[in-house]
């Protein structure tokens, strides 16, 4: 397993860990931050896997689209939803946004775990 894959696996475990804790402002902020780490590692792992196959992608959007085309993601929309959530939480802070994103984190976690399992 590559260092990036191992890092993603560890980051996903940490995200899962925080999602088991009762929600409050601190837990929600920690979960969103951990999701951001997972997202970054996720698209970079896809980029690494594509490069190993002689292909390339330069952005999260293009990497997740390629992962969908390769069958590593079940649906392209889930990758785009994660990208939108990461972009919104990274560049702005809004309590309502954080709550909305937090509610989607279990699904994002499942998508990233599935992606990790599907990669060659």
N, C-alpha and C. Protein backbone atom coordinates (compact mmCIF):
# COMPACT_ATOMS: atom_id res chain seq x y z
N UNK A 1 0.86 -1.18 0.00
CA UNK A 1 0.00 0.00 0.00
C UNK A 1 0.90 1.24 0.00
N UNK A 2 0.59 2.18 -0.87
CA UNK A 2 1.38 3.41 -0.94
C UNK A 2 1.19 4.24 0.31
N UNK A 3 2.12 5.16 0.51
CA UNK A 3 2.00 6.07 1.66
C UNK A 3 0.71 6.88 1.61
N UNK A 4 0.32 7.33 0.41
CA UNK A 4 -0.91 8.11 0.28
C UNK A 4 -2.12 7.26 0.64
N UNK A 5 -2.15 6.03 0.19
CA UNK A 5 -3.28 5.15 0.51
C UNK A 5 -3.34 4.87 2.01
N UNK A 6 -2.19 4.63 2.60
CA UNK A 6 -2.15 4.39 4.05
C UNK A 6 -2.62 5.63 4.80
N UNK A 7 -2.20 6.80 4.34
CA UNK A 7 -2.63 8.05 4.98
C UNK A 7 -4.12 8.24 4.84
N UNK A 8 -4.67 7.92 3.66
CA UNK A 8 -6.11 8.04 3.45
C UNK A 8 -6.85 7.07 4.36
N UNK A 9 -6.37 5.85 4.45
CA UNK A 9 -7.03 4.86 5.30
C UNK A 9 -7.04 5.33 6.76
N UNK A 10 -5.94 5.89 7.22
CA UNK A 10 -5.86 6.40 8.59
C UNK A 10 -6.79 7.61 8.77
N UNK A 11 -6.80 8.51 7.79
CA UNK A 11 -7.66 9.70 7.87
C UNK A 11 -9.13 9.31 7.89
N UNK A 12 -9.50 8.30 7.11
CA UNK A 12 -10.89 7.84 7.11
C UNK A 12 -11.26 7.25 8.47
N UNK A 13 -10.35 6.53 9.08
CA UNK A 13 -10.61 5.98 10.42
C UNK A 13 -10.82 7.11 11.43
N UNK A 14 -10.05 8.17 11.29
CA UNK A 14 -10.19 9.31 12.21
C UNK A 14 -11.50 10.06 11.98
N UNK A 15 -11.92 10.15 10.72
CA UNK A 15 -13.21 10.77 10.43
C UNK A 15 -14.33 9.91 11.02
N UNK A 16 -14.24 8.62 10.80
CA UNK A 16 -15.26 7.73 11.36
C UNK A 16 -15.31 7.85 12.89
N UNK A 17 -14.14 7.95 13.50
CA UNK A 17 -14.06 8.09 14.96
C UNK A 17 -14.80 9.33 15.45
N UNK A 18 -14.58 10.47 14.81
CA UNK A 18 -15.23 11.70 15.28
C UNK A 18 -16.73 11.68 14.99
N UNK A 19 -17.14 10.96 13.96
CA UNK A 19 -18.56 10.88 13.66
C UNK A 19 -19.33 10.03 14.67
N UNK A 20 -18.62 9.25 15.47
CA UNK A 20 -19.27 8.45 16.52
C UNK A 20 -19.48 9.24 17.80
N UNK A 21 -18.87 10.42 17.90
CA UNK A 21 -18.98 11.26 19.10
C UNK A 21 -20.24 12.11 18.99
N UNK A 22 -20.89 12.35 20.12
CA UNK A 22 -22.09 13.19 20.13
C UNK A 22 -21.78 14.56 19.53
N UNK A 23 -22.66 15.01 18.67
CA UNK A 23 -22.45 16.27 17.94
C UNK A 23 -22.55 17.48 18.87
N UNK A 24 -21.57 18.35 18.74
CA UNK A 24 -21.61 19.70 19.30
C UNK A 24 -20.76 20.56 18.36
N UNK A 25 -20.60 21.83 18.66
CA UNK A 25 -19.86 22.71 17.75
C UNK A 25 -18.43 22.24 17.51
N UNK A 26 -17.76 21.80 18.56
CA UNK A 26 -16.36 21.38 18.43
C UNK A 26 -16.26 20.09 17.62
N UNK A 27 -17.11 19.14 17.92
CA UNK A 27 -17.11 17.87 17.19
C UNK A 27 -17.43 18.12 15.71
N UNK A 28 -18.41 18.96 15.45
CA UNK A 28 -18.79 19.26 14.06
C UNK A 28 -17.62 19.89 13.32
N UNK A 29 -16.96 20.87 13.94
CA UNK A 29 -15.81 21.52 13.29
C UNK A 29 -14.69 20.52 13.05
N UNK A 30 -14.43 19.66 14.03
CA UNK A 30 -13.38 18.64 13.88
C UNK A 30 -13.72 17.68 12.75
N UNK A 31 -14.98 17.27 12.67
CA UNK A 31 -15.40 16.33 11.63
C UNK A 31 -15.25 16.96 10.24
N UNK A 32 -15.65 18.21 10.11
CA UNK A 32 -15.53 18.89 8.82
C UNK A 32 -14.05 19.01 8.43
N UNK A 33 -13.19 19.34 9.39
CA UNK A 33 -11.76 19.44 9.11
C UNK A 33 -11.19 18.08 8.69
N UNK A 34 -11.60 17.04 9.38
CA UNK A 34 -11.12 15.70 9.03
C UNK A 34 -11.62 15.29 7.65
N UNK A 35 -12.84 15.67 7.31
CA UNK A 35 -13.35 15.41 5.97
C UNK A 35 -12.47 16.10 4.93
N UNK A 36 -12.09 17.35 5.19
CA UNK A 36 -11.25 18.08 4.24
C UNK A 36 -9.94 17.33 4.00
N UNK A 37 -9.33 16.80 5.07
CA UNK A 37 -8.10 16.00 4.92
C UNK A 37 -8.37 14.77 4.05
N UNK A 38 -9.47 14.08 4.34
CA UNK A 38 -9.83 12.87 3.59
C UNK A 38 -10.05 13.19 2.12
N UNK A 39 -10.74 14.27 1.86
CA UNK A 39 -11.01 14.65 0.48
C UNK A 39 -9.70 14.88 -0.28
N UNK A 40 -8.80 15.66 0.33
CA UNK A 40 -7.52 15.96 -0.32
C UNK A 40 -6.73 14.69 -0.60
N UNK A 41 -6.67 13.82 0.38
CA UNK A 41 -5.96 12.55 0.18
C UNK A 41 -6.68 11.69 -0.86
N UNK A 42 -8.00 11.72 -0.86
CA UNK A 42 -8.77 10.92 -1.79
C UNK A 42 -8.48 11.25 -3.24
N UNK A 43 -8.49 12.51 -3.58
CA UNK A 43 -8.25 12.84 -4.98
C UNK A 43 -6.79 12.63 -5.35
N UNK A 44 -5.89 12.79 -4.40
CA UNK A 44 -4.48 12.55 -4.69
C UNK A 44 -4.18 11.07 -4.86
N UNK A 45 -4.89 10.21 -4.13
CA UNK A 45 -4.75 8.77 -4.32
C UNK A 45 -5.26 8.37 -5.71
N UNK A 46 -6.36 8.96 -6.13
CA UNK A 46 -6.88 8.70 -7.48
C UNK A 46 -5.85 9.17 -8.51
N UNK A 47 -5.30 10.34 -8.31
CA UNK A 47 -4.30 10.87 -9.23
C UNK A 47 -3.11 9.91 -9.34
N UNK A 48 -2.66 9.40 -8.20
CA UNK A 48 -1.54 8.45 -8.18
C UNK A 48 -1.89 7.16 -8.92
N UNK A 49 -3.09 6.64 -8.71
CA UNK A 49 -3.51 5.41 -9.38
C UNK A 49 -3.62 5.61 -10.89
N UNK A 50 -4.13 6.76 -11.31
CA UNK A 50 -4.22 7.05 -12.74
C UNK A 50 -2.85 7.17 -13.37
N UNK A 51 -1.94 7.83 -12.68
CA UNK A 51 -0.58 7.96 -13.21
C UNK A 51 0.08 6.60 -13.38
N UNK A 52 -0.20 5.68 -12.46
CA UNK A 52 0.35 4.33 -12.57
C UNK A 52 -0.18 3.62 -13.81
N UNK A 53 -1.32 4.06 -14.31
CA UNK A 53 -1.90 3.49 -15.52
C UNK A 53 -1.58 4.32 -16.76
N UNK A 54 -0.71 5.31 -16.60
CA UNK A 54 -0.30 6.14 -17.73
C UNK A 54 -1.26 7.27 -18.05
N UNK A 55 -2.16 7.57 -17.13
CA UNK A 55 -3.13 8.64 -17.32
C UNK A 55 -2.84 9.74 -16.31
N UNK A 56 -3.47 10.89 -16.50
CA UNK A 56 -3.24 11.98 -15.55
C UNK A 56 -4.51 12.77 -15.34
N UNK A 57 -4.58 13.40 -14.19
CA UNK A 57 -5.64 14.35 -13.89
C UNK A 57 -4.99 15.43 -13.03
N UNK A 58 -5.44 16.65 -13.20
CA UNK A 58 -4.75 17.76 -12.55
C UNK A 58 -5.56 18.43 -11.45
N UNK A 59 -6.81 18.03 -11.29
CA UNK A 59 -7.66 18.69 -10.30
C UNK A 59 -8.57 17.64 -9.66
N UNK A 60 -9.13 17.96 -8.50
CA UNK A 60 -10.08 17.02 -7.90
C UNK A 60 -11.23 16.67 -8.84
N UNK A 61 -11.77 17.67 -9.52
CA UNK A 61 -12.90 17.43 -10.42
C UNK A 61 -12.52 16.44 -11.52
N UNK A 62 -11.38 16.65 -12.15
CA UNK A 62 -10.99 15.74 -13.24
C UNK A 62 -10.61 14.37 -12.71
N UNK A 63 -10.03 14.31 -11.51
CA UNK A 63 -9.67 13.02 -10.93
C UNK A 63 -10.90 12.21 -10.56
N UNK A 64 -11.91 12.85 -9.94
CA UNK A 64 -13.12 12.11 -9.59
C UNK A 64 -13.91 11.72 -10.84
N UNK A 65 -13.90 12.55 -11.87
CA UNK A 65 -14.56 12.18 -13.13
C UNK A 65 -13.87 10.96 -13.74
N UNK A 66 -12.55 10.95 -13.71
CA UNK A 66 -11.81 9.80 -14.24
C UNK A 66 -12.05 8.56 -13.38
N UNK A 67 -12.14 8.73 -12.07
CA UNK A 67 -12.42 7.59 -11.18
C UNK A 67 -13.79 7.00 -11.51
N UNK A 68 -14.76 7.84 -11.82
CA UNK A 68 -16.08 7.36 -12.21
C UNK A 68 -15.99 6.58 -13.53
N UNK A 69 -15.30 7.14 -14.51
CA UNK A 69 -15.16 6.47 -15.81
C UNK A 69 -14.45 5.12 -15.68
N UNK A 70 -13.53 5.01 -14.73
CA UNK A 70 -12.78 3.77 -14.52
C UNK A 70 -13.58 2.77 -13.68
N UNK A 71 -14.71 3.20 -13.12
CA UNK A 71 -15.52 2.31 -12.30
C UNK A 71 -15.11 2.29 -10.84
N UNK A 72 -14.28 3.22 -10.44
CA UNK A 72 -13.81 3.29 -9.04
C UNK A 72 -14.82 4.03 -8.16
N UNK A 73 -15.64 4.85 -8.77
CA UNK A 73 -16.75 5.54 -8.08
C UNK A 73 -18.05 5.05 -8.70
N UNK A 74 -19.03 4.77 -7.87
CA UNK A 74 -20.31 4.27 -8.37
C UNK A 74 -21.07 5.35 -9.14
N UNK A 75 -21.00 6.60 -8.68
CA UNK A 75 -21.67 7.68 -9.41
C UNK A 75 -20.83 8.95 -9.31
N UNK A 76 -20.78 9.65 -10.41
CA UNK A 76 -19.95 10.86 -10.49
C UNK A 76 -20.47 11.96 -9.57
N UNK A 77 -21.77 12.01 -9.35
CA UNK A 77 -22.36 13.06 -8.52
C UNK A 77 -21.81 13.05 -7.10
N UNK A 78 -21.52 11.88 -6.56
CA UNK A 78 -20.99 11.83 -5.20
C UNK A 78 -19.63 12.50 -5.10
N UNK A 79 -18.80 12.33 -6.11
CA UNK A 79 -17.51 13.02 -6.14
C UNK A 79 -17.68 14.52 -6.24
N UNK A 80 -18.62 14.95 -7.06
CA UNK A 80 -18.87 16.39 -7.21
C UNK A 80 -19.47 17.01 -5.96
N UNK A 81 -20.32 16.27 -5.27
CA UNK A 81 -20.89 16.77 -4.02
C UNK A 81 -19.80 16.94 -2.97
N UNK A 82 -18.89 15.97 -2.90
CA UNK A 82 -17.77 16.10 -1.96
C UNK A 82 -16.91 17.32 -2.31
N UNK A 83 -16.65 17.50 -3.60
CA UNK A 83 -15.86 18.65 -4.05
C UNK A 83 -16.53 19.96 -3.65
N UNK A 84 -17.83 20.06 -3.89
CA UNK A 84 -18.56 21.28 -3.52
C UNK A 84 -18.50 21.52 -2.01
N UNK A 85 -18.71 20.46 -1.25
CA UNK A 85 -18.66 20.61 0.22
C UNK A 85 -17.27 21.03 0.68
N UNK A 86 -16.25 20.41 0.12
CA UNK A 86 -14.88 20.78 0.50
C UNK A 86 -14.59 22.24 0.12
N UNK A 87 -14.98 22.64 -1.06
CA UNK A 87 -14.73 24.03 -1.48
C UNK A 87 -15.45 25.02 -0.59
N UNK A 88 -16.69 24.73 -0.25
CA UNK A 88 -17.46 25.66 0.57
C UNK A 88 -16.92 25.74 1.99
N UNK A 89 -16.52 24.61 2.57
CA UNK A 89 -16.03 24.65 3.96
C UNK A 89 -14.61 25.19 4.04
N UNK A 90 -13.83 25.01 3.00
CA UNK A 90 -12.45 25.49 3.01
C UNK A 90 -12.38 27.00 2.88
N UNK A 91 -13.26 27.57 2.09
CA UNK A 91 -13.15 28.99 1.75
C UNK A 91 -14.07 29.91 2.54
N UNK A 92 -15.02 29.36 3.25
CA UNK A 92 -15.90 30.20 4.07
C UNK A 92 -16.25 29.44 5.34
N UNK A 93 -16.63 30.16 6.36
CA UNK A 93 -17.16 29.49 7.53
C UNK A 93 -18.51 30.08 7.83
N UNK A 94 -19.47 29.20 7.87
CA UNK A 94 -20.84 29.57 8.17
C UNK A 94 -21.43 28.42 8.97
N UNK A 95 -22.01 28.73 10.11
CA UNK A 95 -22.54 27.70 10.99
C UNK A 95 -23.56 26.81 10.28
N UNK A 96 -24.48 27.41 9.54
CA UNK A 96 -25.50 26.62 8.84
C UNK A 96 -24.86 25.71 7.80
N UNK A 97 -23.87 26.21 7.09
CA UNK A 97 -23.15 25.40 6.11
C UNK A 97 -22.45 24.23 6.79
N UNK A 98 -21.80 24.50 7.91
CA UNK A 98 -21.11 23.45 8.64
C UNK A 98 -22.08 22.35 9.07
N UNK A 99 -23.25 22.74 9.50
CA UNK A 99 -24.27 21.76 9.91
C UNK A 99 -24.72 20.93 8.70
N UNK A 100 -24.96 21.60 7.58
CA UNK A 100 -25.38 20.88 6.36
C UNK A 100 -24.32 19.88 5.91
N UNK A 101 -23.08 20.32 5.88
CA UNK A 101 -21.99 19.44 5.45
C UNK A 101 -21.82 18.29 6.44
N UNK A 102 -21.88 18.60 7.71
CA UNK A 102 -21.73 17.57 8.74
C UNK A 102 -22.74 16.44 8.53
N UNK A 103 -23.95 16.79 8.16
CA UNK A 103 -25.00 15.79 7.94
C UNK A 103 -24.67 14.86 6.76
N UNK A 104 -23.88 15.36 5.80
CA UNK A 104 -23.51 14.55 4.64
C UNK A 104 -22.23 13.74 4.86
N UNK A 105 -21.52 13.98 5.95
CA UNK A 105 -20.23 13.32 6.16
C UNK A 105 -20.31 11.79 6.20
N UNK A 106 -21.32 11.18 6.80
CA UNK A 106 -21.37 9.71 6.74
C UNK A 106 -21.40 9.18 5.30
N UNK A 107 -22.13 9.86 4.43
CA UNK A 107 -22.17 9.43 3.02
C UNK A 107 -20.82 9.65 2.35
N UNK A 108 -20.20 10.79 2.61
CA UNK A 108 -18.87 11.06 2.04
C UNK A 108 -17.87 10.01 2.52
N UNK A 109 -17.94 9.67 3.79
CA UNK A 109 -17.06 8.64 4.34
C UNK A 109 -17.26 7.33 3.59
N UNK A 110 -18.49 6.92 3.38
CA UNK A 110 -18.77 5.68 2.66
C UNK A 110 -18.24 5.72 1.23
N UNK A 111 -18.41 6.84 0.56
CA UNK A 111 -17.94 6.99 -0.82
C UNK A 111 -16.42 6.87 -0.87
N UNK A 112 -15.73 7.54 0.04
CA UNK A 112 -14.27 7.49 0.05
C UNK A 112 -13.75 6.10 0.42
N UNK A 113 -14.43 5.42 1.33
CA UNK A 113 -14.03 4.04 1.66
C UNK A 113 -14.22 3.11 0.44
N UNK A 114 -15.34 3.27 -0.24
CA UNK A 114 -15.62 2.47 -1.44
C UNK A 114 -14.57 2.75 -2.51
N UNK A 115 -14.24 4.01 -2.69
CA UNK A 115 -13.22 4.39 -3.67
C UNK A 115 -11.88 3.73 -3.33
N UNK A 116 -11.48 3.79 -2.09
CA UNK A 116 -10.21 3.21 -1.67
C UNK A 116 -10.18 1.71 -1.96
N UNK A 117 -11.29 1.02 -1.68
CA UNK A 117 -11.37 -0.42 -1.96
C UNK A 117 -11.33 -0.72 -3.46
N UNK A 118 -11.89 0.16 -4.27
CA UNK A 118 -12.00 -0.09 -5.71
C UNK A 118 -10.72 0.20 -6.49
N UNK A 119 -9.84 0.99 -5.92
CA UNK A 119 -8.63 1.36 -6.64
C UNK A 119 -7.74 0.14 -6.88
N UNK A 120 -7.10 0.12 -8.04
CA UNK A 120 -6.21 -1.03 -8.35
C UNK A 120 -4.96 -1.01 -7.46
